[in-house]
Amino acid sequence: MPAETPAPSLTPAPALPAPPLKFLGPQWFAAVMGLAGLALAWHAAAPAMGPLADNVSLAIGTVAGLVFVLLCALSLRRAAVYREALLSDLLHPVRHAFIAAIPVSLILLATLSTALGGASGWWFGLWLIACLAQFAVTVWVLSRWWKGNGAGGLQWPGITPVLIIPVVGNVLAPLAGITLGAPGWTVAQFGLGVFLWPLVMVMIFVRIGVQGLWPERLLPAGFITVAPPAVIGLALMPLQATVLWSQACWGIALFFLLWAAQVLRAIVAQPFSMAWWAMSFPLAAFAGLTLRLAPTGTLFSLLSVPALALASLVIAGLCIGTLRGLRNGTLLVAEG
């Protein structure tokens, strides 16, 4: 007798895992922000530590630049292959604000290059493009609010410290803008950031009081609150404001650092994710401001090296965690 044909299996084939590139969102540029910010902090340590600090700054800055180029290339590839993933980021209530991390990274790299190598037409062009892009992103992020509290508009889930990133990018302009000879646009963009910062902070405090904290996986974003006062304090120096204003900004930054540190235990209890990089740039900016203020008072002089050491150790740990996560395949995955 002829052999019977086996009945076809009704069990569906297992779905193939999505390629890692699909999940390479703009939040990855937070790593560039942290590395470039740390390089600037080490440059600020040069008056006290000598050429060694500038050599460390150059090394970290080179890594930041290479990571930026790599992420840009991969992001362009992702946009071409996984357009729906990019669209999802642009429509997401939280992730859309991370788009600002791209021009902010470029502003920081241009600022570092100007600090280490001096003003040049090349760095001026790069800085100007980055500043204009950051300004445009800020307009785009806030233009969503015209949709009201409906889909794609201003809703409670989107009111997190991540909204600060489009603001921080604007207050960064003076760090290189004065040296590069663009005082007019520098002050105008700085003014936008100074205006928006307290507005966003009020919204964040209202959200905490009305809706509670953001999801636990976003708890590291609380450290972003340290960045605006730290960067404003740094930006006031090339604007030739009295040092007392920078010291006042340092005090505000210290408060937000201690405030954010209250949830540090809850952060480290979670598995490592790219959200942890939200701690990097704020710590680096605080260290940079402390180092710049070191000649103005004993308090800042005593805390300058510990602040730099803290930022360096945290960012080194984040680098190790990122490399380990990439090796283990736990980072470039869908959000839980």
Protein backbone atom coordinates (compact mmCIF):
# COMPACT_ATOMS: atom_id res chain seq x y z
CA MET A 1 0.00 0.00 0.00
CA PRO A 2 1.27 3.52 -0.75
CA ALA A 3 2.55 5.41 2.21
CA GLU A 4 0.12 7.93 3.61
CA THR A 5 0.97 11.59 3.13
CA PRO A 6 1.45 13.18 6.54
CA ALA A 7 -1.06 15.87 7.37
CA PRO A 8 0.35 19.37 7.26
CA SER A 9 1.26 20.80 10.64
CA LEU A 10 -1.08 23.46 11.94
CA THR A 11 1.54 24.87 14.32
CA PRO A 12 2.62 28.33 13.10
CA ALA A 13 6.29 28.84 12.43
CA PRO A 14 8.03 30.85 15.14
CA ALA A 15 8.41 34.53 14.29
CA LEU A 16 11.92 35.60 13.47
CA PRO A 17 13.42 38.16 15.86
CA ALA A 18 13.49 41.72 14.55
CA PRO A 19 16.92 42.95 13.42
CA PRO A 20 18.72 45.02 16.10
CA LEU A 21 19.03 48.01 13.75
CA LYS A 22 15.26 48.51 13.91
CA PHE A 23 15.55 49.54 17.57
CA LEU A 24 18.45 52.00 17.19
CA GLY A 25 16.43 55.07 18.17
CA PRO A 26 17.65 58.66 18.61
CA GLN A 27 18.06 58.08 22.35
CA TRP A 28 21.37 56.43 21.53
CA PHE A 29 22.81 59.89 20.82
CA ALA A 30 22.64 60.53 24.58
CA ALA A 31 25.90 58.55 24.70
CA VAL A 32 27.55 61.13 22.42
CA MET A 33 26.22 63.93 24.63
CA GLY A 34 27.71 62.29 27.70
CA LEU A 35 31.09 61.59 26.13
CA ALA A 36 31.40 65.06 24.58
CA GLY A 37 30.30 66.67 27.84
CA LEU A 38 32.92 64.69 29.75
CA ALA A 39 35.59 65.74 27.23
CA LEU A 40 34.63 69.38 27.83
CA ALA A 41 34.83 68.82 31.59
CA TRP A 42 38.35 67.43 31.28
CA HIS A 43 39.29 70.43 29.14
CA ALA A 44 38.03 72.67 31.95
CA ALA A 45 40.43 70.82 34.26
CA ALA A 46 43.47 71.79 32.15
CA PRO A 47 44.35 74.94 34.17
CA ALA A 48 44.76 72.77 37.28
CA MET A 49 45.99 69.50 35.78
CA GLY A 50 48.02 70.74 32.82
CA PRO A 51 48.40 69.13 29.37
CA LEU A 52 47.34 65.72 30.70
CA ALA A 53 43.77 66.94 31.06
CA ASP A 54 43.70 68.21 27.47
CA ASN A 55 45.10 64.89 26.23
CA VAL A 56 42.35 63.02 28.08
CA SER A 57 39.82 65.49 26.68
CA LEU A 58 41.07 64.90 23.15
CA ALA A 59 40.92 61.13 23.57
CA ILE A 60 37.37 61.15 24.93
CA GLY A 61 36.31 63.68 22.31
CA THR A 62 37.70 61.49 19.54
CA VAL A 63 35.66 58.57 20.81
CA ALA A 64 32.59 60.79 20.98
CA GLY A 65 33.12 61.92 17.39
CA LEU A 66 33.55 58.36 16.13
CA VAL A 67 30.42 57.23 17.97
CA PHE A 68 28.50 60.16 16.49
CA VAL A 69 29.56 59.31 12.93
CA LEU A 70 28.74 55.63 13.46
CA LEU A 71 25.31 56.40 14.92
CA CYS A 72 24.54 58.82 12.10
CA ALA A 73 25.43 56.21 9.48
CA LEU A 74 23.39 53.52 11.20
CA SER A 75 20.46 55.91 11.75
CA LEU A 76 20.38 56.79 8.04
CA ARG A 77 20.39 53.10 7.20
CA ARG A 78 17.60 52.50 9.70
CA ALA A 79 15.54 55.35 8.25
CA ALA A 80 15.87 53.83 4.77
CA VAL A 81 15.09 50.24 5.77
CA TYR A 82 12.73 50.66 8.73
CA ARG A 83 10.78 53.82 8.01
CA GLU A 84 7.94 52.66 10.23
CA ALA A 85 10.34 52.47 13.19
CA LEU A 86 11.48 56.05 12.59
CA LEU A 87 7.88 57.18 12.24
CA SER A 88 7.08 55.45 15.51
CA ASP A 89 9.85 57.44 17.22
CA LEU A 90 8.60 60.71 15.77
CA LEU A 91 5.05 60.02 16.99
CA HIS A 92 5.98 58.61 20.39
CA PRO A 93 5.07 60.90 23.32
CA VAL A 94 8.53 60.56 24.91
CA ARG A 95 10.97 59.35 22.26
CA HIS A 96 10.21 62.20 19.85
CA ALA A 97 12.06 64.64 22.12
CA PHE A 98 15.25 62.56 21.80
CA ILE A 99 15.54 63.81 18.21
CA ALA A 100 17.08 66.91 19.82
CA ALA A 101 19.96 64.76 21.07
CA ILE A 102 21.34 64.68 17.51
CA PRO A 103 21.92 68.44 17.02
CA VAL A 104 22.87 68.79 20.70
CA SER A 105 25.61 66.20 20.15
CA LEU A 106 26.86 68.14 17.14
CA ILE A 107 26.87 71.43 19.07
CA LEU A 108 28.92 69.79 21.82
CA LEU A 109 31.40 68.31 19.34
CA ALA A 110 31.81 71.67 17.59
CA THR A 111 32.26 73.35 20.98
CA LEU A 112 34.90 70.84 22.02
CA SER A 113 36.76 71.17 18.71
CA THR A 114 36.75 74.96 19.05
CA ALA A 115 37.98 74.73 22.65
CA LEU A 116 40.82 72.38 21.78
CA GLY A 117 41.81 73.71 18.35
CA GLY A 118 40.62 77.30 18.27
CA ALA A 119 38.08 79.04 16.07
CA SER A 120 37.94 78.15 12.38
CA GLY A 121 35.54 78.54 9.49
CA TRP A 122 34.98 74.77 9.47
CA TRP A 123 33.89 74.61 13.10
CA PHE A 124 31.82 77.78 12.72
CA GLY A 125 29.89 76.17 9.86
CA LEU A 126 29.38 72.97 11.82
CA TRP A 127 28.32 74.88 14.94
CA LEU A 128 25.88 77.06 12.99
CA ILE A 129 24.27 74.09 11.24
CA ALA A 130 23.89 72.32 14.58
CA CYS A 131 22.42 75.39 16.29
CA LEU A 132 19.93 76.00 13.49
CA ALA A 133 18.96 72.32 13.54
CA GLN A 134 18.48 72.46 17.31
CA PHE A 135 16.34 75.58 16.99
CA ALA A 136 14.23 73.85 14.34
CA VAL A 137 13.82 70.73 16.49
CA THR A 138 12.70 72.89 19.41
CA VAL A 139 10.07 74.55 17.22
CA TRP A 140 8.94 71.14 15.96
CA VAL A 141 8.72 69.59 19.44
CA LEU A 142 6.69 72.48 20.84
CA SER A 143 4.54 72.79 17.71
CA ARG A 144 3.02 69.44 18.64
CA TRP A 145 1.36 71.21 21.55
CA TRP A 146 -0.98 72.98 19.11
CA LYS A 147 -2.77 69.65 18.82
CA GLY A 148 -3.98 70.10 22.39
CA ASN A 149 -4.17 67.07 24.66
CA GLY A 150 -5.21 64.69 21.88
CA ALA A 151 -3.12 62.15 20.00
CA GLY A 152 0.27 63.57 19.09
CA GLY A 153 -0.27 66.59 21.31
CA LEU A 154 0.67 67.50 24.86
CA GLN A 155 -0.33 64.55 27.03
CA TRP A 156 0.75 63.53 30.53
CA PRO A 157 2.91 60.57 29.35
CA GLY A 158 5.04 62.98 27.32
CA ILE A 159 5.76 65.38 30.16
CA THR A 160 9.04 63.99 31.47
CA PRO A 161 12.54 65.43 31.93
CA VAL A 162 13.30 64.25 28.39
CA LEU A 163 11.47 67.40 27.24
CA ILE A 164 14.40 69.36 28.67
CA ILE A 165 16.73 68.16 25.90
CA PRO A 166 15.28 70.52 23.27
CA VAL A 167 15.84 73.31 25.83
CA VAL A 168 19.38 72.39 26.87
CA GLY A 169 20.55 72.45 23.28
CA ASN A 170 19.63 76.12 22.99
CA VAL A 171 21.48 77.27 26.10
CA LEU A 172 24.62 75.53 24.80
CA ALA A 173 25.05 78.07 22.01
CA PRO A 174 27.29 80.57 23.90
CA LEU A 175 29.90 77.94 24.79
CA ALA A 176 31.36 78.29 21.29
CA GLY A 177 29.25 81.01 19.67
CA ILE A 178 31.09 83.95 21.22
CA THR A 179 34.50 82.53 20.31
CA LEU A 180 33.30 81.81 16.78
CA GLY A 181 32.12 85.40 16.33
CA ALA A 182 28.34 84.98 16.28
CA PRO A 183 27.19 86.93 19.37
CA GLY A 184 23.79 87.95 17.94
CA TRP A 185 22.44 84.50 17.19
CA THR A 186 24.18 83.08 20.24
CA VAL A 187 22.36 85.38 22.65
CA ALA A 188 19.04 84.92 20.82
CA GLN A 189 19.19 81.13 21.03
CA PHE A 190 20.43 81.26 24.61
CA GLY A 191 17.45 83.45 25.50
CA LEU A 192 15.05 80.87 24.06
CA GLY A 193 16.53 78.16 26.24
CA VAL A 194 16.47 80.31 29.37
CA PHE A 195 12.81 81.13 28.71
CA LEU A 196 11.72 77.54 28.11
CA TRP A 197 13.63 75.90 30.96
CA PRO A 198 11.43 77.08 33.87
CA LEU A 199 8.31 76.52 31.75
CA VAL A 200 9.19 72.85 31.24
CA MET A 201 10.16 72.44 34.90
CA VAL A 202 6.76 73.74 36.05
CA MET A 203 5.08 71.23 33.71
CA ILE A 204 7.20 68.41 35.14
CA PHE A 205 6.36 69.30 38.74
CA VAL A 206 2.66 69.55 37.88
CA ARG A 207 2.82 66.14 36.20
CA ILE A 208 4.39 64.63 39.34
CA GLY A 209 1.69 66.13 41.52
CA VAL A 210 -1.23 65.20 39.29
CA GLN A 211 -0.18 61.99 37.54
CA GLY A 212 2.79 60.79 39.55
CA LEU A 213 6.26 59.88 38.30
CA TRP A 214 7.05 58.62 34.83
CA PRO A 215 7.64 54.86 34.31
CA GLU A 216 10.49 53.31 36.30
CA ARG A 217 12.54 52.60 33.18
CA LEU A 218 12.70 56.39 32.66
CA LEU A 219 13.81 57.21 36.21
CA PRO A 220 17.39 58.04 35.08
CA ALA A 221 15.89 60.92 33.10
CA GLY A 222 15.42 62.71 36.40
CA PHE A 223 19.13 63.60 36.25
CA ILE A 224 18.47 65.68 33.13
CA THR A 225 17.13 68.36 35.47
CA VAL A 226 20.76 69.00 36.50
CA ALA A 227 21.81 70.00 32.98
CA PRO A 228 20.03 73.33 32.36
CA PRO A 229 21.38 75.24 35.39
CA ALA A 230 24.83 73.71 34.91
CA VAL A 231 24.99 74.65 31.22
CA ILE A 232 23.50 78.11 31.82
CA GLY A 233 26.16 78.70 34.47
CA LEU A 234 28.84 77.74 31.94
CA ALA A 235 27.26 79.80 29.15
CA LEU A 236 27.14 82.95 31.28
CA MET A 237 30.95 83.02 31.44
CA PRO A 238 31.66 83.76 27.75
CA LEU A 239 28.71 86.18 27.89
CA GLN A 240 30.77 88.08 30.51
CA ALA A 241 28.11 87.95 33.19
CA THR A 242 29.23 88.38 36.76
CA VAL A 243 30.51 85.16 38.29
CA LEU A 244 27.87 85.37 41.00
CA TRP A 245 25.24 84.29 38.46
CA SER A 246 27.27 81.21 37.53
CA GLN A 247 27.68 80.38 41.22
CA ALA A 248 23.92 80.72 41.68
CA CYS A 249 23.36 78.34 38.78
CA TRP A 250 25.80 75.91 40.41
CA GLY A 251 23.69 75.93 43.56
CA ILE A 252 20.55 75.15 41.55
CA ALA A 253 22.36 72.36 39.72
CA LEU A 254 23.59 70.91 43.03
CA PHE A 255 20.03 70.87 44.36
CA PHE A 256 18.73 69.00 41.32
CA LEU A 257 21.67 66.58 41.52
CA LEU A 258 20.84 65.70 45.13
CA TRP A 259 17.13 65.61 44.28
CA ALA A 260 17.64 63.17 41.40
CA ALA A 261 19.99 61.04 43.49
CA GLN A 262 17.03 60.09 45.71
CA VAL A 263 15.91 57.56 43.08
CA LEU A 264 19.38 56.18 42.39
CA ARG A 265 18.66 52.97 44.30
CA ALA A 266 15.57 52.34 42.18
CA ILE A 267 17.60 52.98 39.03
CA VAL A 268 20.39 50.52 39.79
CA ALA A 269 17.81 47.89 40.76
CA GLN A 270 16.69 47.78 37.12
CA PRO A 271 18.42 46.01 34.24
CA PHE A 272 20.82 48.25 32.36
CA SER A 273 19.32 50.15 29.41
CA MET A 274 20.23 53.14 27.26
CA ALA A 275 17.99 55.23 29.52
CA TRP A 276 20.85 55.16 32.03
CA TRP A 277 22.84 57.44 29.70
CA ALA A 278 20.50 60.26 30.73
CA MET A 279 22.74 60.61 33.80
CA SER A 280 25.92 61.16 31.79
CA PHE A 281 25.74 64.65 30.31
CA PRO A 282 24.21 66.29 33.40
CA LEU A 283 27.01 64.91 35.61
CA ALA A 284 29.62 66.04 33.08
CA ALA A 285 28.09 69.52 32.82
CA PHE A 286 28.01 69.85 36.60
CA ALA A 287 31.67 68.78 36.79
CA GLY A 288 32.58 71.26 34.06
CA LEU A 289 30.87 74.14 35.87
CA THR A 290 32.49 73.21 39.18
CA LEU A 291 35.92 73.14 37.54
CA ARG A 292 35.36 76.50 35.85
CA LEU A 293 34.32 78.00 39.19
CA ALA A 294 37.26 76.46 41.10
CA PRO A 295 39.35 79.67 41.00
CA THR A 296 36.46 81.69 42.44
CA GLY A 297 36.07 79.99 45.82
CA THR A 298 37.32 77.28 48.15
CA LEU A 299 34.06 75.31 47.97
CA PHE A 300 34.28 74.91 44.20
CA SER A 301 38.01 74.18 44.34
CA LEU A 302 37.48 71.36 46.86
CA LEU A 303 34.60 69.80 44.92
CA SER A 304 35.99 70.18 41.39
CA VAL A 305 38.11 67.03 41.26
CA PRO A 306 35.52 64.82 43.03
CA ALA A 307 32.86 66.06 40.59
CA LEU A 308 35.10 65.24 37.63
CA ALA A 309 35.94 61.83 39.11
CA LEU A 310 32.25 61.05 39.67
CA ALA A 311 31.30 61.97 36.11
CA SER A 312 34.24 59.99 34.71
CA LEU A 313 33.48 56.87 36.74
CA VAL A 314 29.76 56.92 35.94
CA ILE A 315 30.35 57.38 32.20
CA ALA A 316 33.02 54.66 32.22
CA GLY A 317 30.47 52.37 33.86
CA LEU A 318 27.88 53.31 31.26
CA CYS A 319 30.33 52.49 28.47
CA ILE A 320 31.02 49.08 30.02
CA GLY A 321 27.31 48.43 30.48
CA THR A 322 26.61 49.40 26.87
CA LEU A 323 29.31 47.14 25.47
CA ARG A 324 28.10 44.28 27.64
CA GLY A 325 24.49 44.89 26.60
CA LEU A 326 25.43 44.91 22.91
CA ARG A 327 27.37 41.67 23.38
CA ASN A 328 24.48 40.02 25.22
CA GLY A 329 21.83 41.34 22.86
CA THR A 330 19.81 43.07 25.62
CA LEU A 331 19.86 46.65 24.32
CA LEU A 332 18.70 46.72 20.70
CA VAL A 333 15.35 45.11 21.44
CA ALA A 334 11.75 46.23 21.62
CA GLU A 335 10.76 48.14 24.72
CA GLY A 336 9.14 46.03 27.41
